[in-house]
Protein backbone atom coordinates (compact mmCIF):
# COMPACT_ATOMS: atom_id res chain seq x y z
CA UNK A 1 21.02 75.59 -113.98
CA UNK A 2 18.92 78.72 -114.52
CA UNK A 3 18.53 79.16 -110.76
CA UNK A 4 22.28 78.83 -110.28
CA UNK A 5 23.01 81.53 -112.88
CA UNK A 6 20.44 83.86 -111.29
CA UNK A 7 22.04 83.45 -107.85
CA UNK A 8 25.54 84.01 -109.32
CA UNK A 9 24.42 87.18 -111.12
CA UNK A 10 22.85 88.55 -107.94
CA UNK A 11 26.04 87.86 -105.98
CA UNK A 12 28.20 89.69 -108.54
CA UNK A 13 25.84 92.66 -108.53
CA UNK A 14 26.01 93.01 -104.74
CA UNK A 15 29.80 92.76 -104.78
CA UNK A 16 30.02 95.54 -107.39
CA UNK A 17 27.82 97.85 -105.31
CA UNK A 18 30.09 97.54 -102.32
CA UNK A 19 28.69 96.24 -99.18
CA UNK A 20 29.39 98.09 -96.33
CA UNK A 21 28.51 101.17 -94.58
CA UNK A 22 31.52 103.47 -94.22
CA UNK A 23 29.77 106.70 -95.00
CA UNK A 24 30.35 106.71 -98.75
CA UNK A 25 33.97 105.50 -98.76
CA UNK A 26 35.53 109.05 -99.06
CA UNK A 27 39.33 109.51 -98.95
CA UNK A 28 41.16 111.02 -96.00
CA UNK A 29 42.07 114.75 -96.43
CA UNK A 30 45.73 115.29 -97.33
CA UNK A 31 47.62 117.59 -94.90
CA UNK A 32 49.20 120.63 -96.55
CA UNK A 33 52.81 121.41 -95.64
CA UNK A 34 53.46 125.14 -95.28
CA UNK A 35 56.83 126.77 -95.87
CA UNK A 36 58.84 128.20 -92.94
CA UNK A 37 58.97 131.92 -92.26
CA UNK A 38 62.12 133.99 -91.67
CA UNK A 39 62.43 137.10 -89.52
CA UNK A 40 65.23 139.68 -89.35
CA UNK A 41 66.34 142.94 -90.96
CA UNK A 42 66.16 142.97 -94.76
CA UNK A 43 67.80 146.38 -95.26
CA UNK A 44 70.99 146.78 -93.22
CA UNK A 45 73.56 149.59 -93.06
CA UNK A 46 76.98 148.95 -91.58
CA UNK A 47 80.00 151.23 -91.30
CA UNK A 48 83.10 150.03 -93.11
CA UNK A 49 85.54 148.30 -90.83
CA UNK A 50 82.72 147.16 -88.54
CA UNK A 51 81.47 143.58 -88.27
CA UNK A 52 77.79 142.77 -88.64
CA UNK A 53 75.74 141.96 -85.54
CA UNK A 54 72.56 140.89 -87.32
CA UNK A 55 70.70 137.71 -86.44
CA UNK A 56 67.94 135.85 -88.28
CA UNK A 57 65.49 133.23 -87.11
CA UNK A 58 62.99 130.90 -88.76
CA UNK A 59 59.91 129.03 -87.63
CA UNK A 60 57.79 126.33 -89.22
CA UNK A 61 53.95 126.18 -89.03
CA UNK A 62 54.12 122.42 -88.45
CA UNK A 63 56.91 122.85 -85.86
CA UNK A 64 59.35 120.92 -88.04
CA UNK A 65 63.08 121.50 -87.69
CA UNK A 66 64.29 124.33 -89.94
CA UNK A 67 67.75 124.77 -91.44
CA UNK A 68 69.14 128.06 -92.73
CA UNK A 69 71.51 128.57 -95.66
CA UNK A 70 72.79 131.38 -97.88
CA UNK A 71 72.31 131.96 -101.59
CA UNK A 72 72.57 134.94 -103.91
CA UNK A 73 75.10 137.13 -105.66
CA UNK A 74 77.18 138.01 -102.60
CA UNK A 75 76.52 134.99 -100.38
CA UNK A 76 80.18 133.94 -100.55
CA UNK A 77 81.16 137.06 -98.59
CA UNK A 78 79.24 135.93 -95.49
CA UNK A 79 78.81 133.15 -92.98
CA UNK A 80 75.52 132.18 -91.34
CA UNK A 81 75.70 130.17 -88.13
CA UNK A 82 73.18 127.50 -87.16
CA UNK A 83 71.84 130.06 -84.66
CA UNK A 84 71.20 132.54 -87.49
CA UNK A 85 74.08 134.97 -86.86
CA UNK A 86 75.10 136.65 -90.13
CA UNK A 87 78.71 137.85 -90.36
CA UNK A 88 81.16 139.12 -92.97
CA UNK A 89 83.96 136.68 -93.70
CA UNK A 90 86.19 139.73 -94.12
CA UNK A 91 85.19 143.04 -92.54
CA UNK A 92 84.28 145.38 -95.43
CA UNK A 93 86.38 148.22 -96.80
CA UNK A 94 84.36 151.01 -98.46
CA UNK A 95 87.27 151.93 -100.72
CA UNK A 96 87.60 148.32 -101.94
CA UNK A 97 84.06 146.91 -102.29
CA UNK A 98 83.84 143.14 -102.69
CA UNK A 99 80.19 142.86 -103.72
CA UNK A 100 79.08 141.75 -107.18
CA UNK A 101 77.99 145.23 -108.25
CA UNK A 102 81.12 146.87 -106.78
CA UNK A 103 78.83 149.50 -105.23
CA UNK A 104 79.07 148.55 -101.53
CA UNK A 105 75.59 146.96 -101.59
CA UNK A 106 75.77 143.25 -100.79
CA UNK A 107 72.77 141.20 -101.93
CA UNK A 108 72.05 137.76 -100.55
CA UNK A 109 69.17 135.42 -99.79
CA UNK A 110 68.57 133.49 -96.59
CA UNK A 111 66.89 130.18 -97.39
CA UNK A 112 64.88 128.39 -94.68
CA UNK A 113 64.02 124.74 -95.30
CA UNK A 114 61.88 122.25 -93.36
CA UNK A 115 63.10 119.43 -95.67
CA UNK A 116 59.83 119.63 -97.64
CA UNK A 117 59.42 123.29 -98.52
CA UNK A 118 61.71 126.31 -98.64
CA UNK A 119 61.26 130.03 -98.05
CA UNK A 120 63.58 132.68 -99.51
CA UNK A 121 64.30 135.92 -97.62
CA UNK A 122 66.21 138.65 -99.45
CA UNK A 123 68.69 140.85 -97.57
CA UNK A 124 70.59 143.92 -98.80
CA UNK A 125 73.55 145.14 -96.75
CA UNK A 126 74.92 148.59 -97.52
CA UNK A 127 78.43 149.47 -96.39
CA UNK A 128 78.89 153.17 -95.64
CA UNK A 129 82.03 155.27 -95.74
CA UNK A 130 83.94 156.01 -92.56
CA UNK A 131 86.55 158.32 -91.13
CA UNK A 132 89.34 155.91 -90.21
CA UNK A 133 92.54 156.37 -88.29
CA UNK A 134 94.86 155.12 -85.61
CA UNK A 135 95.77 156.55 -82.24
CA UNK A 136 99.53 156.28 -81.69
CA UNK A 137 102.34 156.17 -80.45
CA UNK A 138 101.62 153.03 -78.46
CA UNK A 139 99.36 152.30 -80.25
CA UNK A 140 96.65 153.39 -77.83
CA UNK A 141 93.91 150.84 -77.16
CA UNK A 142 90.57 151.59 -75.56
CA UNK A 143 90.73 155.32 -76.24
CA UNK A 144 87.42 157.16 -76.63
CA UNK A 145 87.52 158.80 -80.08
CA UNK A 146 84.86 161.17 -81.34
CA UNK A 147 84.30 163.67 -84.13
CA UNK A 148 84.23 167.08 -82.49
CA UNK A 149 81.80 169.20 -84.51
CA UNK A 150 81.81 172.33 -82.34
CA UNK A 151 85.44 172.40 -81.19
CA UNK A 152 84.74 172.15 -77.47
CA UNK A 153 86.76 168.96 -76.97
CA UNK A 154 83.77 167.25 -75.33
CA UNK A 155 81.79 164.37 -76.84
CA UNK A 156 78.29 165.79 -77.23
CA UNK A 157 75.09 163.81 -77.89
CA UNK A 158 75.18 164.56 -81.63
CA UNK A 159 78.84 163.51 -82.02
CA UNK A 160 79.67 159.89 -82.91
CA UNK A 161 82.08 158.08 -80.60
CA UNK A 162 83.95 154.75 -80.64
CA UNK A 163 86.71 153.01 -78.71
CA UNK A 164 89.99 152.15 -80.41
CA UNK A 165 90.79 148.46 -80.82
CA UNK A 166 93.90 146.66 -79.56
CA UNK A 167 95.91 148.15 -82.45
CA UNK A 168 94.70 151.70 -81.82
CA UNK A 169 92.41 151.72 -84.88
CA UNK A 170 89.06 153.46 -85.03
CA UNK A 171 86.27 153.92 -87.57
CA UNK A 172 83.67 156.69 -87.37
CA UNK A 173 80.92 157.93 -89.72
CA UNK A 174 82.01 160.69 -92.09
CA UNK A 175 80.89 164.00 -90.51
CA UNK A 176 78.01 165.79 -92.20
CA UNK A 177 79.32 169.24 -91.31
CA UNK A 178 82.77 170.82 -91.55
CA UNK A 179 85.12 171.86 -90.12
CA UNK A 180 85.39 168.98 -87.68
CA UNK A 181 88.24 167.49 -85.69
CA UNK A 182 89.04 164.12 -84.20
CA UNK A 183 89.45 163.99 -80.41
CA UNK A 184 90.90 161.02 -78.54
CA UNK A 185 90.49 160.72 -74.79
CA UNK A 186 92.13 158.20 -72.47
CA UNK A 187 93.12 154.68 -73.45
CA UNK A 188 96.16 152.58 -72.69
CA UNK A 189 99.55 152.75 -74.40
CA UNK A 190 100.02 149.14 -75.47
CA UNK A 191 103.80 149.44 -75.48
CA UNK A 192 104.25 150.85 -71.98
CA UNK A 193 100.96 149.89 -70.33
CA UNK A 194 100.50 153.50 -69.30
CA UNK A 195 96.89 154.71 -68.97
CA UNK A 196 96.49 158.08 -70.69
CA UNK A 197 94.28 160.84 -69.36
CA UNK A 198 93.72 162.78 -72.57
CA UNK A 199 95.25 162.75 -76.02
CA UNK A 200 94.49 165.02 -78.99
């Protein structure tokens, strides 16, 4: 009986010590998931009446799929496509700001998620004032309109220029110097289809 108890005690002792050789029985290291990163302009200026053309992209260190979404005070004023194209839902009007602070600065956050972790990317979009108008009588579409700062009737390198839209509308930065005049050249009369050579 004593021999039996001694053998049983020895067996229990060996079982408690662990028997095998696995190099100490350490646990496997746990992989750390890193948050995605977002790239794109964080401070944007856009002229009133002009749509955004900004795009954002995101990448994940573990190459996981990343989804983008919008948050923040003025997020409801924008759309963000799956490709990362940020656009105004309604093209902004400087005289009627629709941002939360009513100061023509729209604040939003682009959120990138890999389904485990998120990254937040703040963006501020400032809408600037414009000289707006319409070339008529057609209206005239596709006319080249510029702010003539020196009165020579020619669009110089330092003079902003745009083309009128299908309704003859244009939007240009407010000139920094005065006097200045608006010059419209060419375009098509949308009522008659006539191509104009020059129109002041």
